[in-house]
């Protein structure tokens, strides 16, 4: 999410249109859907709250990945494809 927001959408698409990394998960869309019970999402108020906090939690994950790559100056800090 941070990597996508740092570049123009057109450039990001052109750079990564042939990427085939199957390990990448877009946390901003599927984090709570896969990890919480469907029963929680039946309540409209709770559903809207969880959808809003899902983006914040995904940003937290992305920022932690940036911190993990802080010492490695040979890799872009927003890179999520490598296994560092």
N, C-alpha and C. Protein backbone atom coordinates (compact mmCIF):
# COMPACT_ATOMS: atom_id res chain seq x y z
N UNK A 1 0.81 -1.18 0.00
CA UNK A 1 0.00 0.00 0.00
C UNK A 1 0.87 1.26 0.00
N UNK A 2 1.92 1.26 0.79
CA UNK A 2 2.81 2.41 0.79
C UNK A 2 3.56 2.53 -0.53
N UNK A 3 3.91 1.40 -1.09
CA UNK A 3 4.63 1.41 -2.36
C UNK A 3 3.76 1.95 -3.48
N UNK A 4 2.51 1.60 -3.47
CA UNK A 4 1.60 2.09 -4.50
C UNK A 4 1.33 3.58 -4.36
N UNK A 5 1.30 4.07 -3.14
CA UNK A 5 1.00 5.49 -2.94
C UNK A 5 2.21 6.38 -3.19
N UNK A 6 3.40 5.81 -3.23
CA UNK A 6 4.59 6.63 -3.44
C UNK A 6 4.78 7.00 -4.91
N UNK A 7 4.22 6.26 -5.83
CA UNK A 7 4.37 6.50 -7.26
C UNK A 7 3.04 6.88 -7.90
N UNK A 8 3.13 7.39 -9.10
CA UNK A 8 1.93 7.62 -9.88
C UNK A 8 1.29 6.28 -10.24
N UNK A 9 -0.02 6.21 -10.26
CA UNK A 9 -0.66 4.92 -10.56
C UNK A 9 -0.28 4.35 -11.93
N UNK A 10 -0.11 5.24 -12.92
CA UNK A 10 0.26 4.76 -14.26
C UNK A 10 1.66 4.17 -14.27
N UNK A 11 2.60 4.82 -13.60
CA UNK A 11 3.96 4.30 -13.54
C UNK A 11 4.03 3.01 -12.74
N UNK A 12 3.28 2.96 -11.67
CA UNK A 12 3.26 1.73 -10.88
C UNK A 12 2.74 0.56 -11.71
N UNK A 13 1.71 0.81 -12.47
CA UNK A 13 1.16 -0.24 -13.32
C UNK A 13 2.17 -0.68 -14.38
N UNK A 14 2.83 0.28 -15.00
CA UNK A 14 3.80 -0.07 -16.04
C UNK A 14 4.99 -0.85 -15.48
N UNK A 15 5.43 -0.52 -14.29
CA UNK A 15 6.56 -1.22 -13.69
C UNK A 15 6.21 -2.63 -13.23
N UNK A 16 5.00 -2.82 -12.77
CA UNK A 16 4.64 -4.07 -12.12
C UNK A 16 3.56 -4.87 -12.84
N UNK A 17 3.34 -4.60 -14.09
CA UNK A 17 2.27 -5.31 -14.78
C UNK A 17 2.59 -6.77 -15.05
N UNK A 18 3.89 -7.11 -15.08
CA UNK A 18 4.27 -8.50 -15.34
C UNK A 18 4.75 -9.22 -14.08
N UNK A 19 4.56 -8.64 -12.95
CA UNK A 19 4.95 -9.30 -11.70
C UNK A 19 4.04 -10.50 -11.47
N UNK A 20 4.62 -11.58 -11.05
CA UNK A 20 3.84 -12.78 -10.81
C UNK A 20 4.08 -13.34 -9.40
N UNK A 21 4.32 -12.46 -8.46
CA UNK A 21 4.56 -12.90 -7.11
C UNK A 21 3.25 -13.36 -6.48
N UNK A 22 3.16 -14.63 -6.22
CA UNK A 22 1.94 -15.19 -5.65
C UNK A 22 1.88 -15.03 -4.13
N UNK A 23 3.01 -14.69 -3.51
CA UNK A 23 3.06 -14.55 -2.06
C UNK A 23 2.51 -13.23 -1.56
N UNK A 24 2.37 -12.26 -2.44
CA UNK A 24 1.91 -10.94 -2.03
C UNK A 24 0.42 -10.96 -1.71
N UNK A 25 0.08 -10.40 -0.57
CA UNK A 25 -1.32 -10.29 -0.16
C UNK A 25 -1.63 -8.83 0.05
N UNK A 26 -2.69 -8.37 -0.55
CA UNK A 26 -3.11 -6.99 -0.37
C UNK A 26 -3.90 -6.90 0.94
N UNK A 27 -3.20 -6.53 2.01
CA UNK A 27 -3.81 -6.51 3.33
C UNK A 27 -4.93 -5.50 3.45
N UNK A 28 -4.90 -4.47 2.67
CA UNK A 28 -5.92 -3.44 2.81
C UNK A 28 -7.30 -3.92 2.39
N UNK A 29 -7.38 -5.04 1.67
CA UNK A 29 -8.68 -5.54 1.23
C UNK A 29 -9.13 -6.82 1.91
N UNK A 30 -8.21 -7.64 2.40
CA UNK A 30 -8.60 -8.97 2.85
C UNK A 30 -8.20 -9.32 4.28
N UNK A 31 -7.66 -8.40 5.00
CA UNK A 31 -7.11 -8.74 6.30
C UNK A 31 -8.18 -9.26 7.27
N UNK A 32 -9.21 -8.51 7.48
CA UNK A 32 -10.25 -8.95 8.42
C UNK A 32 -11.17 -9.98 7.81
N UNK A 33 -11.36 -9.93 6.52
CA UNK A 33 -12.27 -10.89 5.88
C UNK A 33 -11.80 -12.33 6.05
N UNK A 34 -10.50 -12.53 6.02
CA UNK A 34 -9.97 -13.88 6.15
C UNK A 34 -9.76 -14.33 7.59
N UNK A 35 -9.63 -13.37 8.51
CA UNK A 35 -9.23 -13.72 9.87
C UNK A 35 -10.31 -13.59 10.92
N UNK A 36 -11.42 -13.00 10.59
CA UNK A 36 -12.51 -12.86 11.55
C UNK A 36 -13.72 -13.69 11.13
N UNK A 37 -14.56 -13.92 12.09
CA UNK A 37 -15.75 -14.71 11.84
C UNK A 37 -16.74 -13.92 10.98
N UNK A 38 -17.43 -14.58 10.06
CA UNK A 38 -18.44 -13.89 9.25
C UNK A 38 -19.61 -13.36 10.09
N UNK A 39 -19.79 -13.92 11.25
CA UNK A 39 -20.87 -13.48 12.12
C UNK A 39 -20.69 -12.01 12.54
N UNK A 40 -19.46 -11.59 12.71
CA UNK A 40 -19.19 -10.21 13.13
C UNK A 40 -19.61 -9.22 12.04
N UNK A 41 -19.50 -9.61 10.80
CA UNK A 41 -19.80 -8.71 9.69
C UNK A 41 -21.29 -8.57 9.41
N UNK A 42 -22.12 -9.32 10.10
CA UNK A 42 -23.56 -9.20 9.89
C UNK A 42 -24.13 -7.91 10.45
N UNK A 43 -23.53 -7.41 11.49
CA UNK A 43 -23.94 -6.14 12.06
C UNK A 43 -23.42 -5.01 11.17
N UNK A 44 -24.30 -4.13 10.70
CA UNK A 44 -23.90 -3.08 9.77
C UNK A 44 -22.92 -2.09 10.38
N UNK A 45 -23.13 -1.74 11.62
CA UNK A 45 -22.25 -0.79 12.27
C UNK A 45 -20.85 -1.38 12.47
N UNK A 46 -20.81 -2.61 12.90
CA UNK A 46 -19.52 -3.27 13.10
C UNK A 46 -18.81 -3.50 11.76
N UNK A 47 -19.56 -3.83 10.76
CA UNK A 47 -18.99 -4.05 9.43
C UNK A 47 -18.33 -2.77 8.91
N UNK A 48 -19.01 -1.65 9.01
CA UNK A 48 -18.43 -0.40 8.52
C UNK A 48 -17.21 0.00 9.35
N UNK A 49 -17.25 -0.24 10.66
CA UNK A 49 -16.10 0.07 11.51
C UNK A 49 -14.89 -0.79 11.14
N UNK A 50 -15.10 -2.06 10.92
CA UNK A 50 -14.00 -2.96 10.58
C UNK A 50 -13.42 -2.64 9.21
N UNK A 51 -14.25 -2.27 8.27
CA UNK A 51 -13.75 -1.91 6.95
C UNK A 51 -12.88 -0.66 7.01
N UNK A 52 -13.21 0.27 7.89
CA UNK A 52 -12.40 1.48 8.04
C UNK A 52 -11.08 1.21 8.76
N UNK A 53 -11.11 0.36 9.76
CA UNK A 53 -9.88 0.09 10.50
C UNK A 53 -8.96 -0.88 9.76
N UNK A 54 -9.48 -1.57 8.80
CA UNK A 54 -8.67 -2.51 8.02
C UNK A 54 -7.55 -1.77 7.28
N UNK A 55 -7.83 -0.61 6.75
CA UNK A 55 -6.82 0.17 6.04
C UNK A 55 -5.73 0.63 7.02
N UNK A 56 -6.12 1.05 8.20
CA UNK A 56 -5.14 1.49 9.19
C UNK A 56 -4.22 0.36 9.63
N UNK A 57 -4.79 -0.80 9.82
CA UNK A 57 -3.98 -1.94 10.22
C UNK A 57 -3.05 -2.39 9.09
N UNK A 58 -3.49 -2.30 7.88
CA UNK A 58 -2.61 -2.65 6.76
C UNK A 58 -1.45 -1.65 6.64
N UNK A 59 -1.70 -0.39 6.93
CA UNK A 59 -0.62 0.59 6.96
C UNK A 59 0.39 0.27 8.05
N UNK A 60 -0.10 -0.21 9.16
CA UNK A 60 0.80 -0.61 10.25
C UNK A 60 1.71 -1.75 9.81
N UNK A 61 1.17 -2.72 9.10
CA UNK A 61 1.99 -3.82 8.58
C UNK A 61 3.02 -3.32 7.57
N UNK A 62 2.60 -2.44 6.69
CA UNK A 62 3.52 -1.92 5.69
C UNK A 62 4.64 -1.10 6.33
N UNK A 63 4.32 -0.33 7.34
CA UNK A 63 5.34 0.46 8.02
C UNK A 63 6.32 -0.42 8.79
N UNK A 64 5.84 -1.53 9.30
CA UNK A 64 6.74 -2.46 9.97
C UNK A 64 7.71 -3.09 8.97
N UNK A 65 7.25 -3.36 7.77
CA UNK A 65 8.14 -3.88 6.74
C UNK A 65 9.19 -2.85 6.35
N UNK A 66 8.83 -1.59 6.35
CA UNK A 66 9.80 -0.52 6.07
C UNK A 66 10.85 -0.50 7.16
N UNK A 67 10.46 -0.66 8.40
CA UNK A 67 11.42 -0.66 9.51
C UNK A 67 12.35 -1.88 9.43
N UNK A 68 11.83 -3.00 8.99
CA UNK A 68 12.67 -4.20 8.86
C UNK A 68 13.75 -4.01 7.79
N UNK A 69 13.45 -3.23 6.77
CA UNK A 69 14.40 -3.03 5.67
C UNK A 69 15.22 -1.76 5.83
N UNK A 70 15.16 -1.14 6.97
CA UNK A 70 15.84 0.14 7.18
C UNK A 70 17.35 0.01 7.08
N UNK A 71 17.91 -1.07 7.58
CA UNK A 71 19.36 -1.24 7.58
C UNK A 71 19.92 -1.66 6.22
N UNK A 72 19.11 -2.30 5.42
CA UNK A 72 19.57 -2.79 4.13
C UNK A 72 19.42 -1.67 3.09
N UNK A 73 20.49 -0.97 2.79
CA UNK A 73 20.42 0.16 1.89
C UNK A 73 20.43 -0.22 0.43
N UNK A 74 20.63 -1.49 0.11
CA UNK A 74 20.63 -1.92 -1.29
C UNK A 74 19.23 -2.22 -1.81
N UNK A 75 18.27 -2.30 -0.93
CA UNK A 75 16.90 -2.63 -1.31
C UNK A 75 16.01 -1.42 -1.05
N UNK A 76 15.08 -1.21 -1.96
CA UNK A 76 14.12 -0.14 -1.76
C UNK A 76 13.31 -0.43 -0.49
N UNK A 77 13.12 0.55 0.34
CA UNK A 77 12.47 0.30 1.61
C UNK A 77 10.99 -0.05 1.47
N UNK A 78 10.40 0.28 0.35
CA UNK A 78 9.00 -0.05 0.13
C UNK A 78 8.83 -1.37 -0.62
N UNK A 79 9.89 -2.04 -0.92
CA UNK A 79 9.83 -3.29 -1.68
C UNK A 79 9.20 -4.39 -0.84
N UNK A 80 8.21 -5.06 -1.37
CA UNK A 80 7.57 -6.13 -0.64
C UNK A 80 7.78 -7.48 -1.30
N UNK A 81 8.45 -7.54 -2.44
CA UNK A 81 8.62 -8.80 -3.17
C UNK A 81 9.78 -9.64 -2.67
N UNK A 82 10.75 -9.05 -2.02
CA UNK A 82 11.91 -9.84 -1.59
C UNK A 82 11.65 -10.49 -0.22
N UNK A 83 12.48 -11.41 0.12
CA UNK A 83 12.30 -12.20 1.34
C UNK A 83 13.24 -11.76 2.45
N UNK A 84 13.44 -10.49 2.65
CA UNK A 84 14.33 -10.01 3.71
C UNK A 84 13.62 -9.94 5.04
